[in-house]
N, C-alpha and C. Protein backbone atom coordinates (compact mmCIF):
# COMPACT_ATOMS: atom_id res chain seq x y z
N MET A 1 -41.79 123.52 -153.50
CA MET A 1 -41.99 122.12 -153.21
C MET A 1 -41.41 121.81 -151.83
N THR A 2 -42.16 121.15 -150.99
CA THR A 2 -41.70 120.77 -149.67
C THR A 2 -41.22 119.33 -149.71
N VAL A 3 -40.02 119.13 -149.19
CA VAL A 3 -39.46 117.79 -149.12
C VAL A 3 -39.33 117.43 -147.66
N MET A 4 -39.82 116.28 -147.29
CA MET A 4 -39.70 115.83 -145.91
C MET A 4 -38.82 114.59 -145.89
N THR A 5 -38.10 114.45 -144.81
CA THR A 5 -37.25 113.28 -144.66
C THR A 5 -37.34 112.81 -143.22
N THR A 6 -37.14 111.55 -143.03
CA THR A 6 -37.04 111.02 -141.67
C THR A 6 -35.65 110.45 -141.51
N LEU A 7 -35.15 110.54 -140.33
CA LEU A 7 -33.80 110.06 -140.04
C LEU A 7 -33.89 108.72 -139.33
N PRO A 8 -32.95 107.85 -139.60
CA PRO A 8 -32.95 106.57 -138.89
C PRO A 8 -32.56 106.79 -137.43
N TRP A 9 -33.15 106.02 -136.57
CA TRP A 9 -32.83 106.10 -135.15
C TRP A 9 -31.83 105.03 -134.79
N SER A 10 -31.00 105.31 -133.86
CA SER A 10 -30.06 104.37 -133.23
C SER A 10 -28.99 103.82 -134.16
N ARG A 11 -28.62 104.59 -135.16
CA ARG A 11 -27.47 104.21 -135.97
C ARG A 11 -26.85 105.47 -136.55
N PRO A 12 -25.56 105.44 -136.80
CA PRO A 12 -24.93 106.60 -137.43
C PRO A 12 -25.47 106.79 -138.86
N LEU A 13 -25.52 108.03 -139.28
CA LEU A 13 -25.96 108.33 -140.64
C LEU A 13 -24.83 108.05 -141.63
N THR A 14 -25.20 107.88 -142.87
CA THR A 14 -24.23 107.62 -143.94
C THR A 14 -24.44 108.62 -145.07
N LYS A 15 -23.54 108.57 -146.06
CA LYS A 15 -23.70 109.47 -147.19
C LYS A 15 -24.99 109.18 -147.95
N ALA A 16 -25.50 107.96 -147.91
CA ALA A 16 -26.79 107.66 -148.53
C ALA A 16 -27.91 108.42 -147.81
N ASP A 17 -27.86 108.51 -146.49
CA ASP A 17 -28.85 109.28 -145.74
C ASP A 17 -28.73 110.77 -146.08
N LEU A 18 -27.51 111.23 -146.26
CA LEU A 18 -27.27 112.63 -146.56
C LEU A 18 -27.95 113.02 -147.88
N ALA A 19 -28.00 112.09 -148.81
CA ALA A 19 -28.62 112.36 -150.11
C ALA A 19 -30.13 112.61 -150.00
N THR A 20 -30.75 112.25 -148.87
CA THR A 20 -32.19 112.45 -148.70
C THR A 20 -32.53 113.79 -148.04
N MET A 21 -31.52 114.57 -147.70
CA MET A 21 -31.77 115.85 -147.04
C MET A 21 -32.40 116.84 -148.02
N PRO A 22 -33.28 117.71 -147.52
CA PRO A 22 -33.96 118.66 -148.40
C PRO A 22 -33.03 119.74 -148.93
N ASP A 23 -33.37 120.30 -150.06
CA ASP A 23 -32.65 121.43 -150.63
C ASP A 23 -33.33 122.69 -150.09
N ASP A 24 -32.92 123.10 -148.88
CA ASP A 24 -33.63 124.16 -148.18
C ASP A 24 -32.75 125.34 -147.77
N GLY A 25 -31.56 125.44 -148.35
CA GLY A 25 -30.67 126.54 -148.02
C GLY A 25 -29.74 126.28 -146.85
N HIS A 26 -29.92 125.15 -146.17
CA HIS A 26 -29.01 124.77 -145.09
C HIS A 26 -27.87 123.93 -145.67
N ARG A 27 -26.77 123.92 -144.95
CA ARG A 27 -25.65 123.06 -145.32
C ARG A 27 -25.74 121.82 -144.46
N TYR A 28 -25.77 120.65 -145.10
CA TYR A 28 -25.84 119.37 -144.40
C TYR A 28 -24.51 118.65 -144.57
N GLU A 29 -23.88 118.29 -143.45
CA GLU A 29 -22.62 117.57 -143.45
C GLU A 29 -22.73 116.41 -142.47
N LEU A 30 -21.87 115.42 -142.65
CA LEU A 30 -21.79 114.29 -141.71
C LEU A 30 -20.40 114.28 -141.10
N LEU A 31 -20.36 114.07 -139.81
CA LEU A 31 -19.10 113.95 -139.10
C LEU A 31 -19.20 112.74 -138.20
N ASP A 32 -18.55 111.67 -138.58
CA ASP A 32 -18.61 110.41 -137.83
C ASP A 32 -20.05 109.94 -137.63
N GLY A 33 -20.87 110.10 -138.68
CA GLY A 33 -22.25 109.65 -138.62
C GLY A 33 -23.23 110.61 -137.98
N ALA A 34 -22.74 111.72 -137.44
CA ALA A 34 -23.62 112.73 -136.85
C ALA A 34 -23.91 113.81 -137.88
N LEU A 35 -25.16 114.22 -137.95
CA LEU A 35 -25.59 115.23 -138.91
C LEU A 35 -25.28 116.62 -138.38
N LEU A 36 -24.59 117.41 -139.18
CA LEU A 36 -24.32 118.81 -138.87
C LEU A 36 -25.17 119.65 -139.82
N VAL A 37 -25.97 120.53 -139.29
CA VAL A 37 -26.83 121.39 -140.10
C VAL A 37 -26.49 122.84 -139.75
N THR A 38 -26.11 123.61 -140.75
CA THR A 38 -25.80 125.01 -140.52
C THR A 38 -26.63 125.86 -141.47
N PRO A 39 -27.05 127.03 -141.01
CA PRO A 39 -27.85 127.91 -141.87
C PRO A 39 -26.98 128.57 -142.93
N ALA A 40 -27.63 129.24 -143.85
CA ALA A 40 -26.91 130.00 -144.87
C ALA A 40 -25.96 130.98 -144.18
N PRO A 41 -24.78 131.18 -144.74
CA PRO A 41 -23.80 132.07 -144.10
C PRO A 41 -24.20 133.54 -144.20
N VAL A 42 -23.63 134.33 -143.29
CA VAL A 42 -23.88 135.78 -143.26
C VAL A 42 -22.97 136.47 -144.28
N PRO A 43 -23.28 137.74 -144.63
CA PRO A 43 -22.48 138.43 -145.64
C PRO A 43 -20.97 138.50 -145.34
N MET A 44 -20.57 138.71 -144.07
CA MET A 44 -19.14 138.78 -143.75
C MET A 44 -18.44 137.47 -144.10
N HIS A 45 -19.09 136.37 -143.80
CA HIS A 45 -18.56 135.05 -144.12
C HIS A 45 -18.33 134.93 -145.63
N GLN A 46 -19.34 135.29 -146.40
CA GLN A 46 -19.26 135.18 -147.85
C GLN A 46 -18.24 136.16 -148.44
N ARG A 47 -18.09 137.33 -147.82
CA ARG A 47 -17.06 138.27 -148.25
C ARG A 47 -15.68 137.65 -148.11
N CYS A 48 -15.42 136.99 -146.98
CA CYS A 48 -14.13 136.32 -146.78
C CYS A 48 -13.90 135.24 -147.83
N VAL A 49 -14.94 134.45 -148.09
CA VAL A 49 -14.82 133.40 -149.10
C VAL A 49 -14.47 134.00 -150.45
N ALA A 50 -15.21 135.03 -150.88
CA ALA A 50 -15.00 135.63 -152.19
C ALA A 50 -13.61 136.26 -152.31
N ARG A 51 -13.19 136.95 -151.27
CA ARG A 51 -11.88 137.62 -151.35
C ARG A 51 -10.73 136.61 -151.29
N LEU A 52 -10.88 135.55 -150.50
CA LEU A 52 -9.84 134.53 -150.49
C LEU A 52 -9.80 133.79 -151.82
N MET A 53 -10.95 133.60 -152.44
CA MET A 53 -10.98 132.97 -153.77
C MET A 53 -10.19 133.81 -154.77
N ARG A 54 -10.35 135.14 -154.70
CA ARG A 54 -9.61 136.03 -155.62
C ARG A 54 -8.10 135.90 -155.43
N VAL A 55 -7.67 135.70 -154.19
CA VAL A 55 -6.25 135.55 -153.91
C VAL A 55 -5.74 134.20 -154.42
N LEU A 56 -6.53 133.15 -154.18
CA LEU A 56 -6.10 131.80 -154.55
C LEU A 56 -6.23 131.48 -156.03
N ASP A 57 -7.24 132.05 -156.69
CA ASP A 57 -7.54 131.65 -158.07
C ASP A 57 -6.36 131.74 -159.03
N PRO A 58 -5.56 132.81 -159.01
CA PRO A 58 -4.42 132.86 -159.94
C PRO A 58 -3.33 131.82 -159.64
N LEU A 59 -3.35 131.27 -158.43
CA LEU A 59 -2.31 130.32 -158.03
C LEU A 59 -2.68 128.88 -158.36
N VAL A 60 -3.96 128.64 -158.60
CA VAL A 60 -4.48 127.29 -158.81
C VAL A 60 -4.68 127.08 -160.30
N GLY A 61 -4.22 125.96 -160.79
CA GLY A 61 -4.42 125.66 -162.20
C GLY A 61 -3.82 124.31 -162.52
N GLY A 62 -3.80 124.00 -163.77
CA GLY A 62 -3.22 122.74 -164.19
C GLY A 62 -4.00 121.57 -163.64
N GLU A 63 -3.38 120.82 -162.76
CA GLU A 63 -4.02 119.63 -162.22
C GLU A 63 -4.93 119.92 -161.02
N PHE A 64 -5.07 121.19 -160.63
CA PHE A 64 -5.88 121.56 -159.47
C PHE A 64 -7.02 122.50 -159.86
N GLU A 65 -8.09 122.47 -159.04
CA GLU A 65 -9.21 123.38 -159.24
C GLU A 65 -9.71 123.87 -157.89
N LEU A 66 -10.14 125.14 -157.86
CA LEU A 66 -10.62 125.81 -156.65
C LEU A 66 -12.14 125.81 -156.65
N PHE A 67 -12.75 125.46 -155.51
CA PHE A 67 -14.21 125.42 -155.38
C PHE A 67 -14.65 126.08 -154.08
N PRO A 68 -15.75 126.86 -154.13
CA PRO A 68 -16.40 127.29 -152.89
C PRO A 68 -17.43 126.25 -152.49
N ALA A 69 -17.89 126.32 -151.25
CA ALA A 69 -18.98 125.44 -150.79
C ALA A 69 -20.24 125.80 -151.57
N PRO A 70 -21.14 124.91 -151.73
CA PRO A 70 -21.09 123.52 -151.24
C PRO A 70 -20.53 122.56 -152.28
N LEU A 71 -19.60 121.75 -151.88
CA LEU A 71 -19.11 120.61 -152.66
C LEU A 71 -18.76 119.54 -151.64
N ASP A 72 -19.39 118.39 -151.76
CA ASP A 72 -19.16 117.31 -150.80
C ASP A 72 -17.75 116.74 -150.94
N VAL A 73 -17.08 116.63 -149.80
CA VAL A 73 -15.79 115.95 -149.69
C VAL A 73 -16.08 114.69 -148.88
N VAL A 74 -16.01 113.54 -149.54
CA VAL A 74 -16.35 112.27 -148.91
C VAL A 74 -15.07 111.67 -148.34
N LEU A 75 -14.92 111.78 -147.02
CA LEU A 75 -13.74 111.23 -146.36
C LEU A 75 -13.98 109.80 -145.89
N ALA A 76 -15.24 109.44 -145.68
CA ALA A 76 -15.64 108.08 -145.28
C ALA A 76 -17.14 107.99 -145.50
N ASP A 77 -17.69 106.79 -145.41
CA ASP A 77 -19.13 106.63 -145.61
C ASP A 77 -19.93 107.43 -144.58
N ASP A 78 -19.34 107.66 -143.40
CA ASP A 78 -20.04 108.42 -142.36
C ASP A 78 -19.48 109.82 -142.14
N THR A 79 -18.60 110.28 -143.03
CA THR A 79 -18.03 111.62 -142.90
C THR A 79 -17.97 112.29 -144.27
N VAL A 80 -18.87 113.24 -144.45
CA VAL A 80 -18.97 114.01 -145.69
C VAL A 80 -18.99 115.48 -145.29
N LEU A 81 -17.93 116.20 -145.64
CA LEU A 81 -17.79 117.59 -145.23
C LEU A 81 -17.88 118.52 -146.43
N GLN A 82 -18.16 119.79 -146.17
CA GLN A 82 -18.21 120.82 -147.21
C GLN A 82 -17.40 122.02 -146.74
N PRO A 83 -16.10 122.01 -146.98
CA PRO A 83 -15.31 123.17 -146.57
C PRO A 83 -15.76 124.42 -147.33
N ASP A 84 -15.56 125.58 -146.72
CA ASP A 84 -15.96 126.83 -147.36
C ASP A 84 -15.22 127.06 -148.67
N LEU A 85 -13.96 126.68 -148.71
CA LEU A 85 -13.15 126.71 -149.92
C LEU A 85 -12.31 125.46 -149.95
N LEU A 86 -12.11 124.91 -151.14
CA LEU A 86 -11.22 123.77 -151.24
C LEU A 86 -10.49 123.80 -152.56
N VAL A 87 -9.31 123.21 -152.56
CA VAL A 87 -8.54 123.00 -153.77
C VAL A 87 -8.41 121.49 -153.92
N ALA A 88 -8.82 121.00 -155.09
CA ALA A 88 -8.82 119.56 -155.34
C ALA A 88 -8.01 119.24 -156.59
N ARG A 89 -7.50 118.02 -156.61
CA ARG A 89 -6.89 117.50 -157.83
C ARG A 89 -8.03 117.19 -158.80
N VAL A 90 -7.96 117.73 -159.99
CA VAL A 90 -9.01 117.54 -160.99
C VAL A 90 -9.24 116.05 -161.24
N ALA A 91 -8.18 115.28 -161.27
CA ALA A 91 -8.29 113.84 -161.56
C ALA A 91 -9.07 113.08 -160.50
N GLU A 92 -9.19 113.63 -159.29
CA GLU A 92 -9.90 112.94 -158.20
C GLU A 92 -11.38 113.30 -158.12
N LEU A 93 -11.81 114.31 -158.85
CA LEU A 93 -13.21 114.73 -158.81
C LEU A 93 -14.10 113.75 -159.57
N THR A 94 -15.30 113.53 -159.05
CA THR A 94 -16.31 112.78 -159.79
C THR A 94 -17.36 113.80 -160.26
N ALA A 95 -18.36 113.33 -160.96
CA ALA A 95 -19.43 114.22 -161.40
C ALA A 95 -20.24 114.75 -160.21
N ARG A 96 -20.15 114.09 -159.06
CA ARG A 96 -20.98 114.43 -157.90
C ARG A 96 -20.21 115.04 -156.72
N ASN A 97 -18.95 114.63 -156.51
CA ASN A 97 -18.25 115.04 -155.29
C ASN A 97 -16.75 114.85 -155.43
N LEU A 98 -16.06 115.06 -154.33
CA LEU A 98 -14.63 114.75 -154.22
C LEU A 98 -14.51 113.59 -153.24
N PRO A 99 -14.26 112.38 -153.73
CA PRO A 99 -14.20 111.22 -152.85
C PRO A 99 -12.80 110.99 -152.26
N ALA A 100 -12.12 112.06 -151.93
CA ALA A 100 -10.77 111.99 -151.38
C ALA A 100 -10.50 113.29 -150.62
N ALA A 101 -9.44 113.31 -149.87
CA ALA A 101 -9.06 114.54 -149.17
C ALA A 101 -8.64 115.59 -150.19
N PRO A 102 -9.07 116.84 -150.00
CA PRO A 102 -8.61 117.89 -150.90
C PRO A 102 -7.14 118.23 -150.65
N MET A 103 -6.56 118.98 -151.54
CA MET A 103 -5.19 119.47 -151.38
C MET A 103 -5.16 120.54 -150.29
N LEU A 104 -6.24 121.36 -150.26
CA LEU A 104 -6.40 122.42 -149.28
C LEU A 104 -7.87 122.49 -148.90
N ALA A 105 -8.16 122.53 -147.61
CA ALA A 105 -9.50 122.78 -147.10
C ALA A 105 -9.43 124.04 -146.24
N THR A 106 -10.38 124.94 -146.46
CA THR A 106 -10.41 126.19 -145.71
C THR A 106 -11.80 126.40 -145.12
N GLU A 107 -11.84 126.79 -143.85
CA GLU A 107 -13.10 127.11 -143.18
C GLU A 107 -13.05 128.55 -142.69
N ILE A 108 -14.17 129.26 -142.87
CA ILE A 108 -14.34 130.60 -142.32
C ILE A 108 -15.12 130.40 -141.01
N LEU A 109 -14.53 130.80 -139.91
CA LEU A 109 -15.15 130.56 -138.60
C LEU A 109 -16.38 131.43 -138.38
N SER A 110 -17.34 130.87 -137.68
CA SER A 110 -18.51 131.61 -137.21
C SER A 110 -18.76 131.13 -135.79
N PRO A 111 -19.52 131.88 -135.01
CA PRO A 111 -19.75 131.45 -133.62
C PRO A 111 -20.33 130.04 -133.51
N SER A 112 -21.19 129.66 -134.43
CA SER A 112 -21.84 128.35 -134.33
C SER A 112 -20.96 127.19 -134.80
N THR A 113 -19.91 127.48 -135.58
CA THR A 113 -19.07 126.40 -136.11
C THR A 113 -17.64 126.41 -135.60
N ARG A 114 -17.27 127.41 -134.83
CA ARG A 114 -15.87 127.59 -134.41
C ARG A 114 -15.24 126.32 -133.83
N ARG A 115 -15.86 125.72 -132.85
CA ARG A 115 -15.27 124.53 -132.20
C ARG A 115 -15.22 123.34 -133.15
N ILE A 116 -16.26 123.18 -133.95
CA ILE A 116 -16.28 122.07 -134.91
C ILE A 116 -15.16 122.24 -135.92
N ASP A 117 -15.00 123.47 -136.45
CA ASP A 117 -13.97 123.73 -137.46
C ASP A 117 -12.56 123.59 -136.89
N LEU A 118 -12.35 124.11 -135.69
CA LEU A 118 -11.00 124.10 -135.10
C LEU A 118 -10.60 122.74 -134.55
N LEU A 119 -11.55 121.95 -134.10
CA LEU A 119 -11.21 120.68 -133.48
C LEU A 119 -11.60 119.47 -134.33
N LEU A 120 -12.88 119.28 -134.54
CA LEU A 120 -13.36 118.06 -135.19
C LEU A 120 -13.01 117.99 -136.67
N LYS A 121 -13.34 119.04 -137.42
CA LYS A 121 -13.03 118.99 -138.85
C LYS A 121 -11.53 118.94 -139.08
N ARG A 122 -10.81 119.74 -138.31
CA ARG A 122 -9.35 119.71 -138.45
C ARG A 122 -8.81 118.30 -138.25
N SER A 123 -9.28 117.59 -137.24
CA SER A 123 -8.76 116.24 -136.99
C SER A 123 -9.17 115.27 -138.09
N ARG A 124 -10.36 115.45 -138.68
CA ARG A 124 -10.79 114.54 -139.77
C ARG A 124 -9.97 114.77 -141.03
N TYR A 125 -9.70 116.05 -141.35
CA TYR A 125 -8.87 116.33 -142.52
C TYR A 125 -7.44 115.82 -142.30
N GLU A 126 -6.94 115.97 -141.11
CA GLU A 126 -5.61 115.48 -140.78
C GLU A 126 -5.54 113.96 -140.95
N ALA A 127 -6.51 113.23 -140.41
CA ALA A 127 -6.54 111.77 -140.51
C ALA A 127 -6.70 111.31 -141.95
N ALA A 128 -7.40 112.11 -142.78
CA ALA A 128 -7.62 111.75 -144.18
C ALA A 128 -6.42 112.08 -145.06
N GLY A 129 -5.44 112.79 -144.51
CA GLY A 129 -4.24 113.12 -145.28
C GLY A 129 -4.35 114.38 -146.12
N CYS A 130 -5.23 115.31 -145.72
CA CYS A 130 -5.35 116.59 -146.43
C CYS A 130 -4.07 117.40 -146.17
N PRO A 131 -3.31 117.73 -147.21
CA PRO A 131 -2.01 118.39 -147.00
C PRO A 131 -2.05 119.75 -146.30
N ALA A 132 -3.15 120.50 -146.47
CA ALA A 132 -3.20 121.84 -145.86
C ALA A 132 -4.61 122.14 -145.37
N TYR A 133 -4.72 122.73 -144.18
CA TYR A 133 -5.99 123.14 -143.60
C TYR A 133 -5.83 124.54 -143.04
N TRP A 134 -6.70 125.45 -143.46
CA TRP A 134 -6.66 126.84 -143.01
C TRP A 134 -7.99 127.20 -142.36
N VAL A 135 -7.93 128.06 -141.34
CA VAL A 135 -9.13 128.65 -140.77
C VAL A 135 -8.95 130.17 -140.77
N VAL A 136 -10.02 130.84 -141.17
CA VAL A 136 -10.05 132.30 -141.20
C VAL A 136 -11.06 132.74 -140.15
N ASP A 137 -10.65 133.63 -139.28
CA ASP A 137 -11.55 134.21 -138.28
C ASP A 137 -11.85 135.64 -138.70
N PRO A 138 -13.04 135.89 -139.27
CA PRO A 138 -13.34 137.24 -139.74
C PRO A 138 -13.52 138.25 -138.60
N ASP A 139 -13.78 137.79 -137.39
CA ASP A 139 -13.98 138.71 -136.27
C ASP A 139 -12.68 139.35 -135.82
N GLU A 140 -11.56 138.64 -135.91
CA GLU A 140 -10.27 139.19 -135.45
C GLU A 140 -9.72 140.27 -136.37
N PRO A 141 -9.52 140.21 -137.58
CA PRO A 141 -9.45 139.06 -138.47
C PRO A 141 -8.10 138.36 -138.36
N SER A 142 -8.11 137.04 -138.62
CA SER A 142 -6.87 136.26 -138.55
C SER A 142 -6.98 135.02 -139.43
N ILE A 143 -5.83 134.45 -139.70
CA ILE A 143 -5.74 133.19 -140.45
C ILE A 143 -4.72 132.31 -139.74
N ILE A 144 -5.07 131.05 -139.56
CA ILE A 144 -4.12 130.04 -139.09
C ILE A 144 -4.06 128.98 -140.18
N ALA A 145 -2.84 128.62 -140.55
CA ALA A 145 -2.63 127.60 -141.58
C ALA A 145 -1.83 126.45 -140.99
N TRP A 146 -2.32 125.24 -141.23
CA TRP A 146 -1.60 124.04 -140.83
C TRP A 146 -1.22 123.27 -142.08
N GLU A 147 -0.09 122.56 -142.00
CA GLU A 147 0.30 121.67 -143.09
C GLU A 147 0.64 120.31 -142.50
N LEU A 148 0.39 119.30 -143.30
CA LEU A 148 0.61 117.93 -142.86
C LEU A 148 2.11 117.62 -142.92
N ARG A 149 2.66 117.22 -141.78
CA ARG A 149 4.07 116.82 -141.69
C ARG A 149 4.12 115.49 -140.96
N ASP A 150 4.56 114.47 -141.66
CA ASP A 150 4.64 113.12 -141.09
C ASP A 150 3.29 112.67 -140.52
N GLY A 151 2.21 112.99 -141.23
CA GLY A 151 0.89 112.54 -140.83
C GLY A 151 0.19 113.36 -139.76
N THR A 152 0.82 114.46 -139.33
CA THR A 152 0.26 115.30 -138.28
C THR A 152 0.29 116.76 -138.71
N TYR A 153 -0.76 117.50 -138.37
CA TYR A 153 -0.77 118.92 -138.69
C TYR A 153 0.20 119.68 -137.79
N ALA A 154 1.00 120.52 -138.44
CA ALA A 154 1.89 121.44 -137.75
C ALA A 154 1.54 122.84 -138.25
N GLU A 155 1.60 123.81 -137.36
CA GLU A 155 1.27 125.16 -137.78
C GLU A 155 2.30 125.64 -138.79
N ALA A 156 1.80 126.05 -139.96
CA ALA A 156 2.67 126.54 -141.03
C ALA A 156 2.78 128.06 -141.01
N GLY A 157 1.77 128.70 -140.42
CA GLY A 157 1.78 130.16 -140.34
C GLY A 157 0.54 130.68 -139.68
N ARG A 158 0.65 131.91 -139.21
CA ARG A 158 -0.45 132.56 -138.52
C ARG A 158 -0.26 134.07 -138.70
N ALA A 159 -1.37 134.76 -138.96
CA ALA A 159 -1.30 136.22 -139.08
C ALA A 159 -2.63 136.79 -138.64
N SER A 160 -2.58 138.04 -138.15
CA SER A 160 -3.81 138.73 -137.78
C SER A 160 -3.71 140.19 -138.20
N GLY A 161 -4.88 140.79 -138.34
CA GLY A 161 -4.93 142.20 -138.72
C GLY A 161 -4.25 142.47 -140.04
N SER A 162 -3.32 143.43 -140.03
CA SER A 162 -2.63 143.81 -141.26
C SER A 162 -1.31 143.07 -141.46
N ASP A 163 -1.02 142.08 -140.61
CA ASP A 163 0.18 141.27 -140.80
C ASP A 163 0.02 140.39 -142.04
N VAL A 164 1.13 140.05 -142.65
CA VAL A 164 1.11 139.22 -143.86
C VAL A 164 1.34 137.77 -143.48
N LEU A 165 0.47 136.91 -143.98
CA LEU A 165 0.68 135.46 -143.87
C LEU A 165 1.36 135.03 -145.16
N ALA A 166 2.58 134.54 -145.06
CA ALA A 166 3.33 134.09 -146.22
C ALA A 166 3.55 132.58 -146.09
N LEU A 167 3.08 131.84 -147.08
CA LEU A 167 3.20 130.38 -147.09
C LEU A 167 3.84 129.93 -148.40
N THR A 168 4.45 128.76 -148.36
CA THR A 168 5.01 128.18 -149.58
C THR A 168 4.25 126.95 -150.03
N ALA A 169 3.42 126.37 -149.13
CA ALA A 169 2.69 125.16 -149.49
C ALA A 169 1.24 125.31 -149.06
N PRO A 170 0.27 124.82 -149.77
CA PRO A 170 0.43 124.10 -151.03
C PRO A 170 0.75 125.00 -152.21
N PHE A 171 0.71 126.33 -151.99
CA PHE A 171 1.07 127.30 -153.01
C PHE A 171 1.84 128.42 -152.34
N ALA A 172 2.70 129.06 -153.10
CA ALA A 172 3.36 130.26 -152.59
C ALA A 172 2.30 131.36 -152.57
N ILE A 173 2.01 131.86 -151.37
CA ILE A 173 0.92 132.82 -151.22
C ILE A 173 1.27 133.84 -150.14
N ARG A 174 0.79 135.05 -150.35
CA ARG A 174 0.87 136.10 -149.34
C ARG A 174 -0.53 136.67 -149.21
N VAL A 175 -1.05 136.66 -148.00
CA VAL A 175 -2.41 137.16 -147.76
C VAL A 175 -2.45 137.92 -146.44
N VAL A 176 -3.20 139.01 -146.44
CA VAL A 176 -3.38 139.86 -145.26
C VAL A 176 -4.80 139.65 -144.75
N PRO A 177 -4.96 139.16 -143.52
CA PRO A 177 -6.29 138.86 -143.00
C PRO A 177 -7.28 140.03 -143.08
N SER A 178 -6.84 141.25 -142.76
CA SER A 178 -7.76 142.39 -142.78
C SER A 178 -8.27 142.68 -144.20
N ASP A 179 -7.52 142.30 -145.22
CA ASP A 179 -7.97 142.51 -146.61
C ASP A 179 -9.16 141.61 -146.94
N LEU A 180 -9.37 140.56 -146.18
CA LEU A 180 -10.47 139.65 -146.44
C LEU A 180 -11.80 140.16 -145.88
N VAL A 181 -11.75 141.13 -144.99
CA VAL A 181 -12.98 141.60 -144.34
C VAL A 181 -13.28 143.06 -144.60
N ASN A 182 -12.31 143.87 -144.95
CA ASN A 182 -12.52 145.31 -145.16
C ASN A 182 -12.80 145.63 -146.61
């Protein structure tokens, strides 16, 4: 089935506009009313997601739940993001999305999304009060983790290759970047 949509001209898009996007294998996100469209991820990207999920899954429970993309995180009417991995408070989930900042948002970098993930998405999660934001670079491989301190992201840890990233928040975790790609 082919679904066609038209976009409004001369105004920022909203989450209502996002609901009209086709189910075509692309990821559709809104960032300050601008539509971000990314193709299906490559195998290396998905390998990182799956392996990081295995590391995080035993640590998440009780009032929290771990999700891979796609799951809409509604930060504002004009900002709806889909982090590659997120940890949310179960009580904040609706049947359709997460209408609040997650406890943890994680992005796996790719050449087409690197600047958006490192700059724009990071600043939106920070402004929304997301306690932790991580980016994984599968090409290095490396992980940078930020945590919210007094309303601003501060680097909580960084590791590359076979170095261990050890964090205490939002969970006590030890992860080796190279284990996510090899």
